[in-house]
């Protein structure tokens, strides 16, 4: 698949996400190799799609890819922490909390 085709699929997927058509967005998300994507915001959106469809493991995996591309993003660390809580992983949630506090000590989130 070429970059143009991936870009079109990503735009369709994001449109389905905006329309809250999570299953349709998931079908598209499953057809793209997210390891090639460098845009952390797109990876966060993909993570949301997996989360809305109940696949927390894949959601976390994609968020870790986004974190690798943008390690100082408070939003990504915050989402990793809340996802860890949903998964019942209190140690990971605490680690995310500590990292969030270290990066943004005065952030009210």
N, C-alpha and C. Protein backbone atom coordinates (compact mmCIF):
# COMPACT_ATOMS: atom_id res chain seq x y z
N UNK A 1 0.84 -1.17 0.00
CA UNK A 1 0.00 0.00 0.00
C UNK A 1 0.90 1.24 0.00
N UNK A 2 0.53 2.23 -0.77
CA UNK A 2 1.35 3.43 -0.84
C UNK A 2 0.87 4.49 0.14
N UNK A 3 1.66 5.54 0.27
CA UNK A 3 1.36 6.60 1.24
C UNK A 3 0.04 7.29 0.94
N UNK A 4 -0.24 7.50 -0.33
CA UNK A 4 -1.48 8.17 -0.71
C UNK A 4 -2.70 7.36 -0.26
N UNK A 5 -2.65 6.07 -0.49
CA UNK A 5 -3.76 5.20 -0.10
C UNK A 5 -3.91 5.18 1.43
N UNK A 6 -2.78 5.12 2.14
CA UNK A 6 -2.82 5.16 3.61
C UNK A 6 -3.43 6.47 4.10
N UNK A 7 -3.06 7.57 3.45
CA UNK A 7 -3.58 8.89 3.84
C UNK A 7 -5.09 8.94 3.64
N UNK A 8 -5.57 8.42 2.53
CA UNK A 8 -7.02 8.40 2.28
C UNK A 8 -7.75 7.54 3.31
N UNK A 9 -7.19 6.39 3.60
CA UNK A 9 -7.81 5.52 4.60
C UNK A 9 -7.82 6.19 5.97
N UNK A 10 -6.73 6.87 6.31
CA UNK A 10 -6.65 7.54 7.60
C UNK A 10 -7.70 8.65 7.68
N UNK A 11 -7.88 9.41 6.60
CA UNK A 11 -8.90 10.46 6.58
C UNK A 11 -10.30 9.87 6.75
N UNK A 12 -10.57 8.76 6.07
CA UNK A 12 -11.87 8.09 6.22
C UNK A 12 -12.06 7.63 7.66
N UNK A 13 -11.02 7.04 8.23
CA UNK A 13 -11.09 6.53 9.59
C UNK A 13 -11.39 7.67 10.57
N UNK A 14 -10.70 8.79 10.40
CA UNK A 14 -10.91 9.93 11.29
C UNK A 14 -12.31 10.51 11.13
N UNK A 15 -12.84 10.46 9.91
CA UNK A 15 -14.20 10.92 9.68
C UNK A 15 -15.20 10.00 10.39
N UNK A 16 -14.98 8.70 10.31
CA UNK A 16 -15.85 7.76 11.03
C UNK A 16 -15.76 7.98 12.53
N UNK A 17 -14.57 8.27 13.02
CA UNK A 17 -14.40 8.54 14.45
C UNK A 17 -15.18 9.79 14.85
N UNK A 18 -15.10 10.83 14.04
CA UNK A 18 -15.83 12.07 14.32
C UNK A 18 -17.34 11.84 14.31
N UNK A 19 -17.80 10.92 13.46
CA UNK A 19 -19.22 10.59 13.37
C UNK A 19 -19.64 9.53 14.38
N UNK A 20 -18.71 9.10 15.22
CA UNK A 20 -18.93 8.08 16.24
C UNK A 20 -19.32 6.73 15.65
N UNK A 21 -18.81 6.45 14.45
CA UNK A 21 -19.00 5.16 13.80
C UNK A 21 -17.76 4.32 14.12
N UNK A 22 -17.69 3.87 15.35
CA UNK A 22 -16.46 3.25 15.86
C UNK A 22 -16.13 1.92 15.20
N UNK A 23 -17.14 1.12 14.87
CA UNK A 23 -16.86 -0.16 14.22
C UNK A 23 -16.30 0.04 12.82
N UNK A 24 -16.86 0.98 12.08
CA UNK A 24 -16.36 1.27 10.74
C UNK A 24 -14.94 1.82 10.81
N UNK A 25 -14.69 2.69 11.80
CA UNK A 25 -13.34 3.23 11.98
C UNK A 25 -12.37 2.11 12.34
N UNK A 26 -12.82 1.16 13.14
CA UNK A 26 -11.98 0.03 13.52
C UNK A 26 -11.63 -0.83 12.31
N UNK A 27 -12.58 -1.05 11.44
CA UNK A 27 -12.31 -1.84 10.23
C UNK A 27 -11.19 -1.22 9.41
N UNK A 28 -11.21 0.09 9.30
CA UNK A 28 -10.16 0.78 8.55
C UNK A 28 -8.85 0.73 9.33
N UNK A 29 -8.91 0.96 10.64
CA UNK A 29 -7.70 0.98 11.47
C UNK A 29 -6.96 -0.36 11.41
N UNK A 30 -7.71 -1.44 11.31
CA UNK A 30 -7.11 -2.77 11.26
C UNK A 30 -6.32 -3.00 9.97
N UNK A 31 -6.60 -2.21 8.95
CA UNK A 31 -5.96 -2.43 7.65
C UNK A 31 -4.70 -1.60 7.43
N UNK A 32 -4.31 -0.83 8.44
CA UNK A 32 -3.15 0.06 8.29
C UNK A 32 -2.05 -0.38 9.26
N UNK A 33 -0.81 -0.34 8.79
CA UNK A 33 0.34 -0.64 9.64
C UNK A 33 0.74 0.63 10.38
N UNK A 34 0.38 0.72 11.64
CA UNK A 34 0.58 1.94 12.41
C UNK A 34 2.04 2.17 12.81
N UNK A 35 2.87 1.17 12.65
CA UNK A 35 4.29 1.34 12.98
C UNK A 35 4.97 2.33 12.04
N UNK A 36 4.40 2.52 10.85
CA UNK A 36 4.97 3.43 9.86
C UNK A 36 4.55 4.88 10.09
N UNK A 37 3.50 5.09 10.87
CA UNK A 37 2.94 6.43 11.06
C UNK A 37 3.75 7.19 12.10
N UNK A 38 4.11 8.42 11.76
CA UNK A 38 4.92 9.23 12.66
C UNK A 38 4.11 10.28 13.41
N UNK A 39 2.89 10.53 12.99
CA UNK A 39 2.05 11.56 13.57
C UNK A 39 1.42 11.06 14.88
N UNK A 40 1.84 11.63 16.00
CA UNK A 40 1.35 11.18 17.31
C UNK A 40 -0.15 11.44 17.47
N UNK A 41 -0.65 12.53 16.90
CA UNK A 41 -2.08 12.84 17.02
C UNK A 41 -2.94 11.78 16.33
N UNK A 42 -2.51 11.31 15.18
CA UNK A 42 -3.24 10.26 14.47
C UNK A 42 -3.19 8.97 15.30
N UNK A 43 -2.04 8.67 15.87
CA UNK A 43 -1.91 7.47 16.69
C UNK A 43 -2.81 7.55 17.93
N UNK A 44 -2.95 8.73 18.49
CA UNK A 44 -3.87 8.91 19.63
C UNK A 44 -5.31 8.64 19.20
N UNK A 45 -5.67 9.10 18.01
CA UNK A 45 -7.02 8.86 17.50
C UNK A 45 -7.26 7.37 17.27
N UNK A 46 -6.26 6.67 16.75
CA UNK A 46 -6.37 5.23 16.55
C UNK A 46 -6.53 4.52 17.90
N UNK A 47 -5.79 4.98 18.88
CA UNK A 47 -5.91 4.42 20.22
C UNK A 47 -7.34 4.58 20.76
N UNK A 48 -7.93 5.75 20.51
CA UNK A 48 -9.32 5.98 20.92
C UNK A 48 -10.27 4.98 20.26
N UNK A 49 -10.05 4.72 18.98
CA UNK A 49 -10.91 3.79 18.26
C UNK A 49 -10.84 2.40 18.90
N UNK A 50 -9.63 1.95 19.17
CA UNK A 50 -9.50 0.64 19.83
C UNK A 50 -10.14 0.66 21.21
N UNK A 51 -9.97 1.74 21.94
CA UNK A 51 -10.54 1.84 23.28
C UNK A 51 -12.07 1.81 23.22
N UNK A 52 -12.66 2.58 22.30
CA UNK A 52 -14.12 2.58 22.16
C UNK A 52 -14.66 1.21 21.79
N UNK A 53 -13.86 0.42 21.11
CA UNK A 53 -14.28 -0.93 20.72
C UNK A 53 -13.89 -1.98 21.74
N UNK A 54 -13.34 -1.55 22.87
CA UNK A 54 -13.04 -2.46 23.98
C UNK A 54 -11.74 -3.21 23.87
N UNK A 55 -10.89 -2.89 22.92
CA UNK A 55 -9.61 -3.57 22.78
C UNK A 55 -8.53 -2.71 23.43
N UNK A 56 -8.45 -2.82 24.76
CA UNK A 56 -7.54 -1.98 25.54
C UNK A 56 -6.08 -2.29 25.28
N UNK A 57 -5.77 -3.54 25.00
CA UNK A 57 -4.37 -3.92 24.74
C UNK A 57 -3.84 -3.21 23.48
N UNK A 58 -4.61 -3.28 22.40
CA UNK A 58 -4.18 -2.62 21.17
C UNK A 58 -4.16 -1.10 21.35
N UNK A 59 -5.12 -0.60 22.09
CA UNK A 59 -5.16 0.83 22.38
C UNK A 59 -3.88 1.27 23.08
N UNK A 60 -3.47 0.49 24.07
CA UNK A 60 -2.25 0.81 24.81
C UNK A 60 -1.02 0.69 23.91
N UNK A 61 -0.99 -0.34 23.07
CA UNK A 61 0.16 -0.52 22.17
C UNK A 61 0.33 0.68 21.24
N UNK A 62 -0.79 1.15 20.69
CA UNK A 62 -0.73 2.30 19.78
C UNK A 62 -0.35 3.56 20.56
N UNK A 63 -0.84 3.70 21.79
CA UNK A 63 -0.46 4.86 22.59
C UNK A 63 1.04 4.85 22.91
N UNK A 64 1.59 3.67 23.13
CA UNK A 64 3.03 3.59 23.35
C UNK A 64 3.80 4.01 22.10
N UNK A 65 3.29 3.70 20.92
CA UNK A 65 3.92 4.18 19.69
C UNK A 65 3.87 5.71 19.64
N UNK A 66 2.72 6.27 20.02
CA UNK A 66 2.59 7.73 20.04
C UNK A 66 3.55 8.33 21.07
N UNK A 67 3.69 7.67 22.20
CA UNK A 67 4.59 8.13 23.25
C UNK A 67 6.04 8.12 22.76
N UNK A 68 6.41 7.10 22.00
CA UNK A 68 7.77 7.03 21.45
C UNK A 68 8.05 8.20 20.52
N UNK A 69 7.02 8.66 19.82
CA UNK A 69 7.19 9.76 18.88
C UNK A 69 7.10 11.13 19.56
N UNK A 70 6.44 11.17 20.71
CA UNK A 70 6.27 12.43 21.44
C UNK A 70 6.31 12.16 22.94
N UNK A 71 7.49 11.88 23.50
CA UNK A 71 7.59 11.45 24.90
C UNK A 71 7.24 12.51 25.94
N UNK A 72 7.21 13.77 25.55
CA UNK A 72 6.89 14.83 26.52
C UNK A 72 5.44 15.28 26.45
N UNK A 73 4.60 14.53 25.76
CA UNK A 73 3.21 14.91 25.60
C UNK A 73 2.42 14.55 26.86
N UNK A 74 1.91 15.59 27.52
CA UNK A 74 1.11 15.35 28.72
C UNK A 74 -0.16 14.58 28.37
N UNK A 75 -0.74 14.89 27.22
CA UNK A 75 -1.98 14.23 26.81
C UNK A 75 -1.79 12.72 26.68
N UNK A 76 -0.69 12.32 26.07
CA UNK A 76 -0.44 10.89 25.87
C UNK A 76 -0.20 10.20 27.21
N UNK A 77 0.58 10.83 28.07
CA UNK A 77 0.85 10.23 29.38
C UNK A 77 -0.44 10.13 30.19
N UNK A 78 -1.27 11.17 30.13
CA UNK A 78 -2.56 11.17 30.81
C UNK A 78 -3.44 10.03 30.31
N UNK A 79 -3.51 9.88 28.99
CA UNK A 79 -4.33 8.81 28.40
C UNK A 79 -3.79 7.44 28.75
N UNK A 80 -2.46 7.28 28.78
CA UNK A 80 -1.87 6.00 29.18
C UNK A 80 -2.27 5.67 30.62
N UNK A 81 -2.28 6.68 31.48
CA UNK A 81 -2.66 6.46 32.88
C UNK A 81 -4.12 6.07 33.02
N UNK A 82 -5.01 6.77 32.33
CA UNK A 82 -6.43 6.43 32.43
C UNK A 82 -6.72 5.06 31.81
N UNK A 83 -6.02 4.74 30.75
CA UNK A 83 -6.19 3.42 30.13
C UNK A 83 -5.69 2.32 31.06
N UNK A 84 -4.58 2.58 31.74
CA UNK A 84 -4.06 1.60 32.71
C UNK A 84 -5.07 1.36 33.82
N UNK A 85 -5.75 2.42 34.26
CA UNK A 85 -6.80 2.25 35.28
C UNK A 85 -7.94 1.39 34.77
N UNK A 86 -8.34 1.61 33.52
CA UNK A 86 -9.42 0.80 32.93
C UNK A 86 -9.02 -0.66 32.85
N UNK A 87 -7.72 -0.89 32.63
CA UNK A 87 -7.22 -2.26 32.51
C UNK A 87 -6.93 -2.88 33.88
N UNK A 88 -7.02 -2.07 34.93
CA UNK A 88 -6.76 -2.57 36.27
C UNK A 88 -5.28 -2.65 36.63
N UNK A 89 -4.43 -1.99 35.87
CA UNK A 89 -2.98 -2.02 36.12
C UNK A 89 -2.61 -0.78 36.93
N UNK A 90 -2.72 -0.90 38.24
CA UNK A 90 -2.50 0.24 39.13
C UNK A 90 -1.05 0.70 39.15
N UNK A 91 -0.11 -0.24 39.01
CA UNK A 91 1.30 0.14 39.01
C UNK A 91 1.62 1.02 37.80
N UNK A 92 1.15 0.61 36.63
CA UNK A 92 1.39 1.42 35.43
C UNK A 92 0.69 2.77 35.54
N UNK A 93 -0.51 2.79 36.09
CA UNK A 93 -1.24 4.05 36.28
C UNK A 93 -0.47 4.98 37.21
N UNK A 94 0.10 4.43 38.28
CA UNK A 94 0.88 5.23 39.22
C UNK A 94 2.15 5.76 38.55
N UNK A 95 2.78 4.92 37.74
CA UNK A 95 3.98 5.36 37.01
C UNK A 95 3.64 6.52 36.07
N UNK A 96 2.51 6.41 35.37
CA UNK A 96 2.08 7.48 34.47
C UNK A 96 1.78 8.75 35.25
N UNK A 97 1.15 8.59 36.40
CA UNK A 97 0.84 9.75 37.25
C UNK A 97 2.13 10.47 37.67
N UNK A 98 3.10 9.70 38.12
CA UNK A 98 4.37 10.29 38.55
C UNK A 98 5.08 10.99 37.39
N UNK A 99 5.04 10.37 36.21
CA UNK A 99 5.66 10.99 35.05
C UNK A 99 4.93 12.27 34.65
N UNK A 100 3.60 12.24 34.73
CA UNK A 100 2.80 13.42 34.41
C UNK A 100 3.14 14.57 35.36
N UNK A 101 3.23 14.27 36.65
CA UNK A 101 3.56 15.28 37.65
C UNK A 101 4.96 15.85 37.41
N UNK A 102 5.90 15.00 37.01
CA UNK A 102 7.26 15.46 36.75
C UNK A 102 7.31 16.41 35.54
N UNK A 103 6.50 16.12 34.53
CA UNK A 103 6.50 16.94 33.32
C UNK A 103 5.71 18.24 33.53
N UNK A 104 4.58 18.14 34.20
CA UNK A 104 3.69 19.29 34.36
C UNK A 104 3.21 19.42 35.80
N UNK A 105 4.09 19.86 36.71
CA UNK A 105 3.71 19.88 38.12
C UNK A 105 2.56 20.82 38.46
N UNK A 106 2.30 21.82 37.65
CA UNK A 106 1.22 22.77 37.97
C UNK A 106 -0.03 22.57 37.12
N UNK A 107 -0.05 21.51 36.31
CA UNK A 107 -1.20 21.22 35.46
C UNK A 107 -2.33 20.68 36.34
N UNK A 108 -3.53 21.25 36.26
CA UNK A 108 -4.63 20.80 37.13
C UNK A 108 -5.18 19.42 36.77
N UNK A 109 -4.83 18.88 35.61
CA UNK A 109 -5.33 17.55 35.23
C UNK A 109 -4.70 16.49 36.10
